[in-house]
Each structure stands twice: as C-alpha cells, then as structure tokens.
Amino acid sequence: MSNLTSVLVTGGGGYVGSALTPKLLDAGFHVRVLDLFLYGRDVLDAVRDHPHLELVTGDLRDRDAVASAVRGCDAVIHLACISNDPSFELDPDLGKSINFDSFRPLVEQSRAAGVRRFIYASSSSVYGVKQEEQVTEDLPLEPLTDYSRFKALCEEILREYESPDFTTVTLRPATVCGYAPRLRLDLTVNILTNHAVNKGKITVFGGSQYRPNIHIDDITDLYVQLLQLPASDVTGRVWNAGWDNMSVAEIARQVQQVVGAEQVDISTEPTDDLRSYRISSAQILGDIGFAPQHSIHSAASDLHAAFQQNLIAAPLDDDRYYNVRRMQSVGLR
C-alpha cells in the first residue's frame, strides 16, 4: 500500500470527477477539487459537507491558483481538459491553452510542492486508427486530431519528470459511459440510451465502426487503486483501460435490449466516417490485476434507471449534459 493521504483532483466537478471524488473520500483521502465548475457545484452536493473535501474554483491557466491548489497535496489526478474532438475544435486556441500549455506548469508546480504521485488521464484516441485487432501500449501513437495530439505530447512531457520522488502514471482510457452526478449525454453509449428512452428511436450512422468503452464505476475504481498501490507497482507506467471493443451497431442493440425492443426502433444511416478504434487492456490486467466489472449493458441499465427515477431533468434540452453547448452558452475563453 502507498502512504498517500491527500489528493488534488483537477476537473473534479466534471463527468468522471463527480463520480470519483466521493469514492476517494470513502477510501479515506483528503480531497481538494480544482475546477471551473461550468456545470455547477451541485454535482458534488452528495459530499459537499464532508470534512475532508475542499472545493476550489479556479482555472488551470492561472499559475497562482494552481500553485495554491497543489500545496499540501501528495498526489494529483489530472482530469481537467477540454474533452473530446468536438469540444476542442469549437475553439482550438482555447483547447490548446488548457490541454497543453498549462500542462508542464502543472507538473512542475506539483513536483515543487512535494507531490509524490501524478496520475494523468490521457486518451485511447492517441493511437489513431489501427488495423490491429488488439491495440497495445507498445504500438506507435498516430493521433489524428489536435485533441489527441496534445494528449500524446503531454504524455511525453510527463515522462521527463519521472523520478524516485515523483511517480508518474498515464492512463489511456476508452470512452467512459454510465451515470454520474455531472452527466454527459454526448458520448456514444449515453447518447444512444438517452435517445432510446426519450425518443423511442436510435439512429446509427454506419454501425460497423468499433468503439472501446469503459463503465464510469470501473475507471473511477481504477483511479483509487492507482493511489493505493505501492509506487514500485505503478511508477512510469502507461496503460490502456477499457472493457471491450464493440461495434456501434452492437452497442445500439445492447441499449435496445435494456430499454425494451418493443419500445425502441433502430434505424441505420450511411456515413463517410467509418473509422474504428480498438484497444487491448491485457497489460494492466497482467500488471496490477485490473479487470473491469461493468459492461455496456450495465451502463445503459444505470442510465435507464436514472431516467425512470427522474434524476435527469430535460435530458434532450439542458446544456449541462452537452460539453459543446455549455461551452457556447457560458462563452468560455
């Protein structure tokens, strides 16, 4: 076990962060969240009065805010970014300033403040499109977009700082799916489930494309595990993290099965974008025994239950669930 006790979660008010923060508190960590809280501070209402939680409204590009946020922490989980290609392409200069320009200063300030473990959320999109059925960590990175290119460049930066006193870990997660307090409804599984429940119809564009996914409970459990393991087990490691590679058509059928075949029609439309992405997560299983426990079916079931319990208000219209819409509505610069 590690002896880490306090962790800074950048982006702790986001999709993954809103599910991760309560788990870190349950595991006994002191948690400081640094976030712009574009989607509201209420996403952490369930733990807002926890004595070991501190919420800091701040911008990664503000070096003074970052220096203050890392002070007194012995670990950092870096989630904050302009997430995914459409969000990044909305304002490429903004995306670069947050995802790339602020990264080295964050790492340097973390190390200078005495942080001993830095966990970086990269992306499985850094591989680009591969012909291999199993895309492993030793294959070359061929990012196709600025979003994924800067993710890959940040991995290179982080490797420069690895030392006996500063343990670095990089994850390349598949697309996250499932319910969280700060919900995203602009990701494949979540989109299809939302449309199945609230429109009674799923439109699949193409369908043969493969998409790797991971349930939000699995990826957040993994972050907790990466803090708890000894440094010798994780130092300098780069791991894929996904559940399974499934075609978009099969994902749609899984969602239809959850919601009810008699209630959901699936239609298929042609598309010019038939890019397929696959990743292998065998390495992390062999190295630290991490094996996802939740399927795409589970993610769709969790979302379906949340809709039935009226936990998701105005799911087709409220921009809280859609990154691009919210960035436009608040005028993020």
Protein backbone atom coordinates (compact mmCIF):
# COMPACT_ATOMS: atom_id res chain seq x y z
CA MET A 1 0.00 0.00 0.00
CA SER A 2 1.05 3.60 -0.56
CA ASN A 3 1.17 6.19 2.19
CA LEU A 4 -0.57 8.89 0.16
CA THR A 5 -3.25 10.77 2.09
CA SER A 6 -4.22 13.95 0.23
CA VAL A 7 -5.08 14.29 -3.44
CA LEU A 8 -5.82 17.16 -5.80
CA VAL A 9 -8.35 16.26 -8.49
CA THR A 10 -8.28 18.72 -11.36
CA GLY A 11 -11.63 18.63 -13.10
CA GLY A 12 -13.23 17.05 -10.06
CA GLY A 13 -16.54 18.69 -10.97
CA GLY A 14 -16.65 17.01 -14.37
CA TYR A 15 -18.15 13.74 -15.57
CA VAL A 16 -15.50 11.38 -14.18
CA GLY A 17 -14.56 13.68 -11.32
CA SER A 18 -18.08 13.87 -9.94
CA ALA A 19 -18.13 10.08 -9.57
CA LEU A 20 -14.50 9.80 -8.44
CA THR A 21 -14.49 12.40 -5.67
CA PRO A 22 -16.97 10.55 -3.39
CA LYS A 23 -15.01 7.31 -3.86
CA LEU A 24 -11.76 8.99 -2.84
CA LEU A 25 -13.41 10.36 0.28
CA ASP A 26 -14.84 6.93 1.09
CA ALA A 27 -11.33 5.49 0.71
CA GLY A 28 -10.05 7.89 3.37
CA PHE A 29 -8.32 10.53 1.27
CA HIS A 30 -8.41 14.25 1.86
CA VAL A 31 -9.62 15.62 -1.47
CA ARG A 32 -9.17 19.06 -2.98
CA VAL A 33 -11.04 19.72 -6.23
CA LEU A 34 -9.82 22.39 -8.66
CA ASP A 35 -12.45 23.14 -11.27
CA LEU A 36 -14.17 25.98 -13.10
CA PHE A 37 -17.49 24.29 -12.19
CA LEU A 38 -19.03 25.15 -15.55
CA TYR A 39 -21.66 22.50 -14.86
CA GLY A 40 -22.40 23.70 -11.34
CA ARG A 41 -21.08 22.91 -7.88
CA ASP A 42 -24.23 20.93 -7.14
CA VAL A 43 -22.72 17.93 -8.94
CA LEU A 44 -20.87 17.28 -5.66
CA ASP A 45 -23.82 18.00 -3.36
CA ALA A 46 -23.78 14.45 -2.02
CA VAL A 47 -20.40 15.09 -0.34
CA ARG A 48 -20.27 18.87 -0.08
CA ASP A 49 -20.29 18.82 3.73
CA HIS A 50 -17.63 16.15 4.03
CA PRO A 51 -14.89 17.37 6.41
CA HIS A 52 -12.14 16.11 4.11
CA LEU A 53 -13.37 17.83 0.94
CA GLU A 54 -12.27 21.24 -0.31
CA LEU A 55 -13.73 22.79 -3.45
CA VAL A 56 -11.61 25.40 -5.21
CA THR A 57 -12.98 27.36 -8.16
CA GLY A 58 -10.00 28.04 -10.38
CA ASP A 59 -8.51 27.85 -13.85
CA LEU A 60 -5.61 25.59 -14.82
CA ARG A 61 -4.16 28.50 -16.77
CA ASP A 62 -3.87 30.58 -13.58
CA ARG A 63 -0.46 29.65 -12.18
CA ASP A 64 -1.16 31.20 -8.80
CA ALA A 65 -4.37 29.19 -8.49
CA VAL A 66 -2.54 26.01 -9.45
CA ALA A 67 0.31 26.68 -7.01
CA SER A 68 -2.19 27.16 -4.22
CA ALA A 69 -4.18 24.08 -5.20
CA VAL A 70 -1.23 21.67 -5.19
CA ARG A 71 0.14 22.95 -1.89
CA GLY A 72 -0.15 20.31 0.81
CA CYS A 73 -1.20 17.52 -1.58
CA ASP A 74 0.89 14.39 -2.05
CA ALA A 75 -0.95 13.17 -5.17
CA VAL A 76 -2.60 14.69 -8.25
CA ILE A 77 -5.19 13.09 -10.52
CA HIS A 78 -5.28 15.30 -13.60
CA LEU A 79 -8.66 15.00 -15.32
CA ALA A 80 -9.34 18.61 -16.33
CA CYS A 81 -9.31 19.34 -20.04
CA ILE A 82 -11.40 20.39 -22.98
CA SER A 83 -12.69 16.91 -23.55
CA ASN A 84 -13.05 15.19 -26.93
CA ASP A 85 -12.67 16.38 -30.52
CA PRO A 86 -15.89 18.40 -30.99
CA SER A 87 -15.31 20.38 -27.78
CA PHE A 88 -11.69 21.03 -28.71
CA GLU A 89 -12.50 22.06 -32.27
CA LEU A 90 -15.03 24.61 -31.04
CA ASP A 91 -12.07 26.85 -30.13
CA PRO A 92 -8.67 25.24 -30.88
CA ASP A 93 -6.71 28.05 -29.21
CA LEU A 94 -8.73 27.62 -26.02
CA GLY A 95 -8.26 23.86 -26.18
CA LYS A 96 -4.50 24.17 -26.59
CA SER A 97 -4.20 26.68 -23.74
CA ILE A 98 -5.98 24.35 -21.30
CA ASN A 99 -4.97 20.89 -22.52
CA PHE A 100 -1.36 21.56 -23.45
CA ASP A 101 0.04 24.96 -22.48
CA SER A 102 -0.99 24.59 -18.84
CA PHE A 103 0.28 21.00 -18.51
CA ARG A 104 4.01 21.46 -17.96
CA PRO A 105 3.46 24.24 -15.39
CA LEU A 106 1.03 21.96 -13.52
CA VAL A 107 3.56 19.12 -13.44
CA GLU A 108 6.41 21.41 -12.41
CA GLN A 109 4.38 23.08 -9.67
CA SER A 110 3.19 19.70 -8.43
CA ARG A 111 6.70 18.35 -8.11
CA ALA A 112 7.96 21.55 -6.49
CA ALA A 113 5.14 21.39 -3.93
CA GLY A 114 6.13 17.88 -2.84
CA VAL A 115 3.52 15.89 -4.75
CA ARG A 116 4.77 12.31 -4.93
CA ARG A 117 2.34 10.74 -7.41
CA PHE A 118 0.89 12.27 -10.56
CA ILE A 119 -1.80 10.36 -12.49
CA TYR A 120 -2.64 11.68 -15.93
CA ALA A 121 -5.84 10.95 -17.84
CA SER A 122 -4.70 10.73 -21.45
CA SER A 123 -6.91 9.07 -24.08
CA SER A 124 -7.03 5.91 -26.17
CA SER A 125 -7.52 8.21 -29.16
CA VAL A 126 -3.73 8.83 -29.18
CA TYR A 127 -3.33 5.65 -31.26
CA GLY A 128 -5.35 6.95 -34.18
CA VAL A 129 -6.90 4.26 -36.37
CA LYS A 130 -5.05 0.93 -36.32
CA GLN A 131 -5.60 -2.21 -38.35
CA GLU A 132 -4.63 -4.44 -35.43
CA GLU A 133 -7.47 -6.21 -33.64
CA GLN A 134 -5.75 -5.57 -30.30
CA VAL A 135 -4.12 -2.16 -29.96
CA THR A 136 -1.46 -2.47 -27.27
CA GLU A 137 0.61 0.12 -25.47
CA ASP A 138 3.74 -0.64 -27.49
CA LEU A 139 2.21 0.41 -30.82
CA PRO A 140 3.19 3.83 -32.19
CA LEU A 141 0.96 6.80 -31.47
CA GLU A 142 -0.64 8.30 -34.56
CA PRO A 143 -3.14 10.88 -33.31
CA LEU A 144 -5.50 12.21 -35.95
CA THR A 145 -6.72 15.40 -34.27
CA ASP A 146 -5.31 18.24 -32.21
CA TYR A 147 -7.15 16.92 -29.15
CA SER A 148 -5.41 13.56 -29.31
CA ARG A 149 -2.10 15.05 -30.49
CA PHE A 150 -1.86 17.25 -27.41
CA LYS A 151 -2.81 14.30 -25.20
CA ALA A 152 0.14 12.41 -26.68
CA LEU A 153 2.50 15.37 -26.26
CA CYS A 154 1.52 15.70 -22.60
CA GLU A 155 2.43 12.06 -22.09
CA GLU A 156 5.92 12.87 -23.39
CA ILE A 157 6.20 15.85 -21.05
CA LEU A 158 5.18 13.80 -18.04
CA ARG A 159 7.84 11.16 -18.77
CA GLU A 160 10.51 13.86 -18.45
CA TYR A 161 9.65 14.35 -14.77
CA GLU A 162 9.50 10.73 -13.61
CA SER A 163 11.90 10.24 -10.68
CA PRO A 164 12.20 8.20 -7.47
CA ASP A 165 10.45 11.06 -5.64
CA PHE A 166 7.85 11.79 -8.31
CA THR A 167 5.91 8.78 -9.53
CA THR A 168 4.04 9.29 -12.79
CA VAL A 169 1.24 7.14 -14.21
CA THR A 170 -0.54 7.62 -17.53
CA LEU A 171 -3.91 6.08 -18.37
CA ARG A 172 -5.31 5.85 -21.87
CA PRO A 173 -8.98 5.26 -21.09
CA ALA A 174 -11.63 4.09 -23.51
CA THR A 175 -14.74 6.27 -23.81
CA VAL A 176 -16.43 6.44 -20.43
CA CYS A 177 -20.11 5.53 -20.16
CA GLY A 178 -22.78 5.29 -17.49
CA TYR A 179 -24.48 7.55 -14.97
CA ALA A 180 -22.70 10.19 -12.87
CA PRO A 181 -23.86 13.27 -10.95
CA ARG A 182 -22.36 15.50 -13.66
CA LEU A 183 -23.76 13.54 -16.54
CA ARG A 184 -22.61 13.68 -20.14
CA LEU A 185 -25.14 12.77 -22.79
CA ASP A 186 -22.79 13.44 -25.70
CA LEU A 187 -20.90 10.11 -25.58
CA THR A 188 -21.87 7.05 -27.63
CA VAL A 189 -23.49 4.75 -25.07
CA ASN A 190 -25.08 7.64 -23.20
CA ILE A 191 -26.37 9.28 -26.39
CA LEU A 192 -28.00 6.07 -27.60
CA THR A 193 -29.58 5.36 -24.22
CA ASN A 194 -30.93 8.90 -23.95
CA HIS A 195 -32.48 8.69 -27.41
CA ALA A 196 -33.87 5.21 -26.79
CA VAL A 197 -35.61 6.31 -23.59
CA ASN A 198 -36.70 9.79 -24.59
CA LYS A 199 -37.27 9.49 -28.34
CA GLY A 200 -38.06 5.82 -28.71
CA LYS A 201 -35.62 5.72 -31.59
CA ILE A 202 -31.90 5.21 -32.12
CA THR A 203 -30.21 6.36 -35.31
CA VAL A 204 -26.94 4.57 -36.06
CA PHE A 205 -24.60 6.19 -38.55
CA GLY A 206 -22.73 3.37 -40.23
CA GLY A 207 -22.65 0.87 -37.41
CA SER A 208 -19.65 -1.26 -38.29
CA GLN A 209 -17.22 1.08 -36.51
CA TYR A 210 -15.76 -0.28 -33.30
CA ARG A 211 -15.69 1.83 -30.16
CA PRO A 212 -13.92 0.90 -26.91
CA ASN A 213 -15.84 1.85 -23.76
CA ILE A 214 -15.38 1.64 -20.01
CA HIS A 215 -18.02 1.99 -17.30
CA ILE A 216 -17.60 5.04 -15.09
CA ASP A 217 -17.57 2.87 -11.97
CA ASP A 218 -14.62 0.90 -13.35
CA ILE A 219 -12.50 3.87 -14.36
CA THR A 220 -13.08 5.63 -11.04
CA ASP A 221 -12.28 2.44 -9.11
CA LEU A 222 -9.04 2.28 -11.10
CA TYR A 223 -8.00 5.81 -10.12
CA VAL A 224 -8.50 4.94 -6.46
CA GLN A 225 -6.48 1.75 -6.93
CA LEU A 226 -3.64 3.68 -8.58
CA LEU A 227 -3.34 5.83 -5.46
CA GLN A 228 -3.38 2.85 -3.11
CA LEU A 229 -0.78 0.68 -4.82
CA PRO A 230 2.92 0.95 -3.92
CA ALA A 231 4.93 3.31 -6.13
CA SER A 232 7.01 0.38 -7.37
CA ASP A 233 3.90 -1.16 -8.97
CA VAL A 234 2.91 1.90 -10.99
CA THR A 235 5.95 4.14 -11.49
CA GLY A 236 6.39 5.33 -15.04
CA ARG A 237 3.65 3.07 -16.36
CA VAL A 238 1.36 3.79 -19.31
CA TRP A 239 -1.77 1.66 -19.51
CA ASN A 240 -4.84 1.30 -21.69
CA ALA A 241 -8.05 1.00 -19.70
CA GLY A 242 -11.16 -0.35 -21.38
CA TRP A 243 -13.82 -3.03 -21.06
CA ASP A 244 -14.48 -4.32 -24.55
CA ASN A 245 -14.43 -3.25 -28.17
CA MET A 246 -17.93 -3.32 -29.60
CA SER A 247 -19.38 -2.03 -32.85
CA VAL A 248 -21.75 0.91 -32.73
CA ALA A 249 -24.50 -1.34 -34.13
CA GLU A 250 -23.98 -3.82 -31.30
CA ILE A 251 -23.97 -1.02 -28.72
CA ALA A 252 -27.32 0.10 -30.13
CA ARG A 253 -28.70 -3.43 -29.80
CA GLN A 254 -27.48 -3.62 -26.20
CA VAL A 255 -29.27 -0.36 -25.42
CA GLN A 256 -32.41 -1.54 -27.20
CA GLN A 257 -32.38 -4.71 -25.10
CA VAL A 258 -32.15 -2.69 -21.89
CA VAL A 259 -34.89 -0.20 -22.72
CA GLY A 260 -37.15 -2.70 -24.47
CA ALA A 261 -37.16 -3.88 -28.06
CA GLU A 262 -40.86 -3.12 -28.43
CA GLN A 263 -40.26 0.49 -27.34
CA VAL A 264 -37.14 1.33 -29.37
CA ASP A 265 -36.65 1.37 -33.13
CA ILE A 266 -33.15 1.29 -34.60
CA SER A 267 -32.55 2.93 -37.96
CA THR A 268 -29.26 2.98 -39.84
CA GLU A 269 -27.97 5.86 -41.93
CA PRO A 270 -24.92 5.84 -44.20
CA THR A 271 -21.79 7.72 -43.15
CA ASP A 272 -18.44 8.55 -44.67
CA ASP A 273 -16.77 8.21 -41.27
CA LEU A 274 -16.13 4.51 -40.74
CA ARG A 275 -13.08 4.92 -38.50
CA SER A 276 -12.81 2.09 -35.99
CA TYR A 277 -10.96 2.20 -32.68
CA ARG A 278 -9.94 -0.78 -30.61
CA ILE A 279 -7.69 -1.13 -27.58
CA SER A 280 -6.34 -4.04 -25.57
CA SER A 281 -6.36 -3.81 -21.78
CA ALA A 282 -4.45 -7.04 -21.21
CA GLN A 283 -1.36 -5.23 -19.96
CA ILE A 284 -3.00 -3.54 -16.97
CA LEU A 285 -4.71 -6.82 -16.07
CA GLY A 286 -1.38 -8.60 -16.03
CA ASP A 287 0.48 -5.86 -14.20
CA ILE A 288 -1.90 -4.86 -11.40
CA GLY A 289 -4.88 -7.17 -11.83
CA PHE A 290 -7.31 -4.50 -13.00
CA ALA A 291 -10.30 -6.04 -14.76
CA PRO A 292 -13.46 -4.02 -15.43
CA GLN A 293 -16.53 -5.39 -13.68
CA HIS A 294 -19.27 -3.47 -15.51
CA SER A 295 -20.43 -3.86 -19.10
CA ILE A 296 -22.02 -1.55 -21.64
CA HIS A 297 -25.29 -3.29 -20.75
CA SER A 298 -24.72 -2.20 -17.14
CA ALA A 299 -24.04 1.39 -18.18
CA ALA A 300 -27.24 1.53 -20.23
CA SER A 301 -29.18 -0.07 -17.36
CA ASP A 302 -27.87 2.51 -14.88
CA LEU A 303 -28.85 5.35 -17.19
CA HIS A 304 -32.27 3.81 -17.83
CA ALA A 305 -32.87 3.58 -14.10
CA ALA A 306 -31.79 7.20 -13.60
CA PHE A 307 -34.26 8.33 -16.27
CA GLN A 308 -37.04 6.34 -14.64
CA GLN A 309 -36.22 7.89 -11.26
CA ASN A 310 -36.36 11.40 -12.78
CA LEU A 311 -32.73 12.07 -11.86
CA ILE A 312 -32.03 13.59 -15.28
CA ALA A 313 -34.13 16.68 -15.95
CA ALA A 314 -34.68 17.91 -19.55
CA PRO A 315 -32.16 15.44 -21.00
CA LEU A 316 -32.66 16.50 -24.60
CA ASP A 317 -32.52 20.23 -23.99
CA ASP A 318 -30.43 21.17 -20.94
CA ASP A 319 -26.92 22.16 -21.99
CA ARG A 320 -25.50 20.83 -18.70
CA TYR A 321 -25.30 17.43 -20.36
CA TYR A 322 -23.53 18.56 -23.53
CA ASN A 323 -20.00 19.95 -23.44
CA VAL A 324 -20.12 21.94 -26.66
CA ARG A 325 -23.47 23.52 -25.83
CA ARG A 326 -22.36 24.51 -22.34
CA MET A 327 -19.06 25.97 -23.56
CA GLN A 328 -21.04 28.06 -26.06
CA SER A 329 -23.64 29.18 -23.54
CA VAL A 330 -21.10 30.35 -20.93
CA GLY A 331 -18.75 31.82 -23.53
CA LEU A 332 -15.68 30.05 -22.17
CA ARG A 333 -12.49 31.81 -23.21
